[in-house]
Amino acid sequence: GETGRVVLRVQVAATGRVTAVSIDRSSGSRSLDAAASAAIRRWRFNPATGNGTPIASEVRIPVRFRIEP
């Protein structure tokens, strides 16, 4: 029954796997922040490229939790 928005800072390896997740802006709810972090850790990304070669990068991802009627 909680709603909120958390912004995560995500480190992505050249392989597209998530190597680290940190809270950039908290939702104010530990449970929402933890749920967002856990979900993002399972994601796979198309890695950034530099000179046509995959490279590690950092991205900020907003996650919104809302209750649908």
C-alpha atoms as a PDB file:
ATOM      1  CA  GLY A   1       0.000   0.000   0.000  1.00  0.00           C
ATOM      2  CA  GLU A   2       2.955   2.378  -0.372  1.00  0.00           C
ATOM      3  CA  THR A   3       3.679   4.805  -3.180  1.00  0.00           C
ATOM      4  CA  GLY A   4       6.809   6.751  -3.992  1.00  0.00           C
ATOM      5  CA  ARG A   5       9.682   7.389  -6.357  1.00  0.00           C
ATOM      6  CA  VAL A   6      13.286   6.323  -5.914  1.00  0.00           C
ATOM      7  CA  VAL A   7      16.214   7.224  -8.162  1.00  0.00           C
ATOM      8  CA  LEU A   8      18.974   4.629  -8.387  1.00  0.00           C
ATOM      9  CA  ARG A   9      22.554   5.054  -9.544  1.00  0.00           C
ATOM     10  CA  VAL A  10      23.501   1.898 -11.443  1.00  0.00           C
ATOM     11  CA  GLN A  11      26.975   0.771 -12.512  1.00  0.00           C
ATOM     12  CA  VAL A  12      26.820  -1.289 -15.701  1.00  0.00           C
ATOM     13  CA  ALA A  13      29.752  -3.437 -16.839  1.00  0.00           C
ATOM     14  CA  ALA A  14      30.880  -3.723 -20.457  1.00  0.00           C
ATOM     15  CA  THR A  15      29.025  -7.054 -20.491  1.00  0.00           C
ATOM     16  CA  GLY A  16      25.721  -5.309 -19.692  1.00  0.00           C
ATOM     17  CA  ARG A  17      25.485  -6.791 -16.206  1.00  0.00           C
ATOM     18  CA  VAL A  18      24.753  -4.613 -13.176  1.00  0.00           C
ATOM     19  CA  THR A  19      27.821  -4.405 -10.934  1.00  0.00           C
ATOM     20  CA  ALA A  20      26.556  -1.967  -8.295  1.00  0.00           C
ATOM     21  CA  VAL A  21      23.365  -0.181  -7.283  1.00  0.00           C
ATOM     22  CA  SER A  22      23.090   2.757  -4.892  1.00  0.00           C
ATOM     23  CA  ILE A  23      20.287   5.096  -3.881  1.00  0.00           C
ATOM     24  CA  ASP A  24      20.664   8.488  -5.541  1.00  0.00           C
ATOM     25  CA  ARG A  25      17.343   9.793  -4.162  1.00  0.00           C
ATOM     26  CA  SER A  26      15.306   7.844  -1.636  1.00  0.00           C
ATOM     27  CA  SER A  27      11.566   7.407  -1.803  1.00  0.00           C
ATOM     28  CA  GLY A  28      11.449   7.844   1.957  1.00  0.00           C
ATOM     29  CA  SER A  29      10.490   4.189   2.362  1.00  0.00           C
ATOM     30  CA  ARG A  30      13.137   1.556   3.057  1.00  0.00           C
ATOM     31  CA  SER A  31      10.952  -1.188   1.625  1.00  0.00           C
ATOM     32  CA  LEU A  32      10.383   0.646  -1.675  1.00  0.00           C
ATOM     33  CA  ASP A  33      14.073   1.530  -1.967  1.00  0.00           C
ATOM     34  CA  ALA A  34      15.044  -2.099  -1.318  1.00  0.00           C
ATOM     35  CA  ALA A  35      12.475  -3.454  -3.793  1.00  0.00           C
ATOM     36  CA  ALA A  36      13.700  -1.109  -6.533  1.00  0.00           C
ATOM     37  CA  SER A  37      17.345  -2.018  -5.875  1.00  0.00           C
ATOM     38  CA  ALA A  38      16.606  -5.746  -5.917  1.00  0.00           C
ATOM     39  CA  ALA A  39      14.694  -5.489  -9.199  1.00  0.00           C
ATOM     40  CA  ILE A  40      17.394  -3.441 -10.951  1.00  0.00           C
ATOM     41  CA  ARG A  41      20.113  -5.913  -9.918  1.00  0.00           C
ATOM     42  CA  ARG A  42      18.358  -8.550 -12.079  1.00  0.00           C
ATOM     43  CA  TRP A  43      18.245  -6.343 -15.183  1.00  0.00           C
ATOM     44  CA  ARG A  44      20.588  -6.698 -18.155  1.00  0.00           C
ATOM     45  CA  PHE A  45      21.554  -3.702 -20.270  1.00  0.00           C
ATOM     46  CA  ASN A  46      22.892  -3.037 -23.724  1.00  0.00           C
ATOM     47  CA  PRO A  47      26.250  -1.582 -22.664  1.00  0.00           C
ATOM     48  CA  ALA A  48      27.467   1.849 -23.639  1.00  0.00           C
ATOM     49  CA  THR A  49      30.094   1.948 -26.364  1.00  0.00           C
ATOM     50  CA  GLY A  50      33.247   3.928 -26.870  1.00  0.00           C
ATOM     51  CA  ASN A  51      34.852   3.774 -30.319  1.00  0.00           C
ATOM     52  CA  GLY A  52      32.562   0.855 -31.139  1.00  0.00           C
ATOM     53  CA  THR A  53      33.664  -1.176 -28.107  1.00  0.00           C
ATOM     54  CA  PRO A  54      31.412  -1.966 -25.124  1.00  0.00           C
ATOM     55  CA  ILE A  55      32.471  -0.030 -22.013  1.00  0.00           C
ATOM     56  CA  ALA A  56      31.418   0.189 -18.381  1.00  0.00           C
ATOM     57  CA  SER A  57      29.130   3.100 -17.541  1.00  0.00           C
ATOM     58  CA  GLU A  58      26.844   4.605 -14.937  1.00  0.00           C
ATOM     59  CA  VAL A  59      23.167   5.385 -15.380  1.00  0.00           C
ATOM     60  CA  ARG A  60      20.513   6.895 -13.131  1.00  0.00           C
ATOM     61  CA  ILE A  61      17.150   5.155 -13.199  1.00  0.00           C
ATOM     62  CA  PRO A  62      13.940   6.508 -11.645  1.00  0.00           C
ATOM     63  CA  VAL A  63      11.508   3.890 -10.320  1.00  0.00           C
ATOM     64  CA  ARG A  64       7.949   4.910  -9.471  1.00  0.00           C
ATOM     65  CA  PHE A  65       5.670   2.867  -7.244  1.00  0.00           C
ATOM     66  CA  ARG A  66       1.986   3.643  -7.470  1.00  0.00           C
ATOM     67  CA  ILE A  67      -1.268   1.951  -6.635  1.00  0.00           C
ATOM     68  CA  GLU A  68      -3.544   1.277  -9.577  1.00  0.00           C
ATOM     69  CA  PRO A  69      -7.269   1.627  -8.870  1.00  0.00           C
END
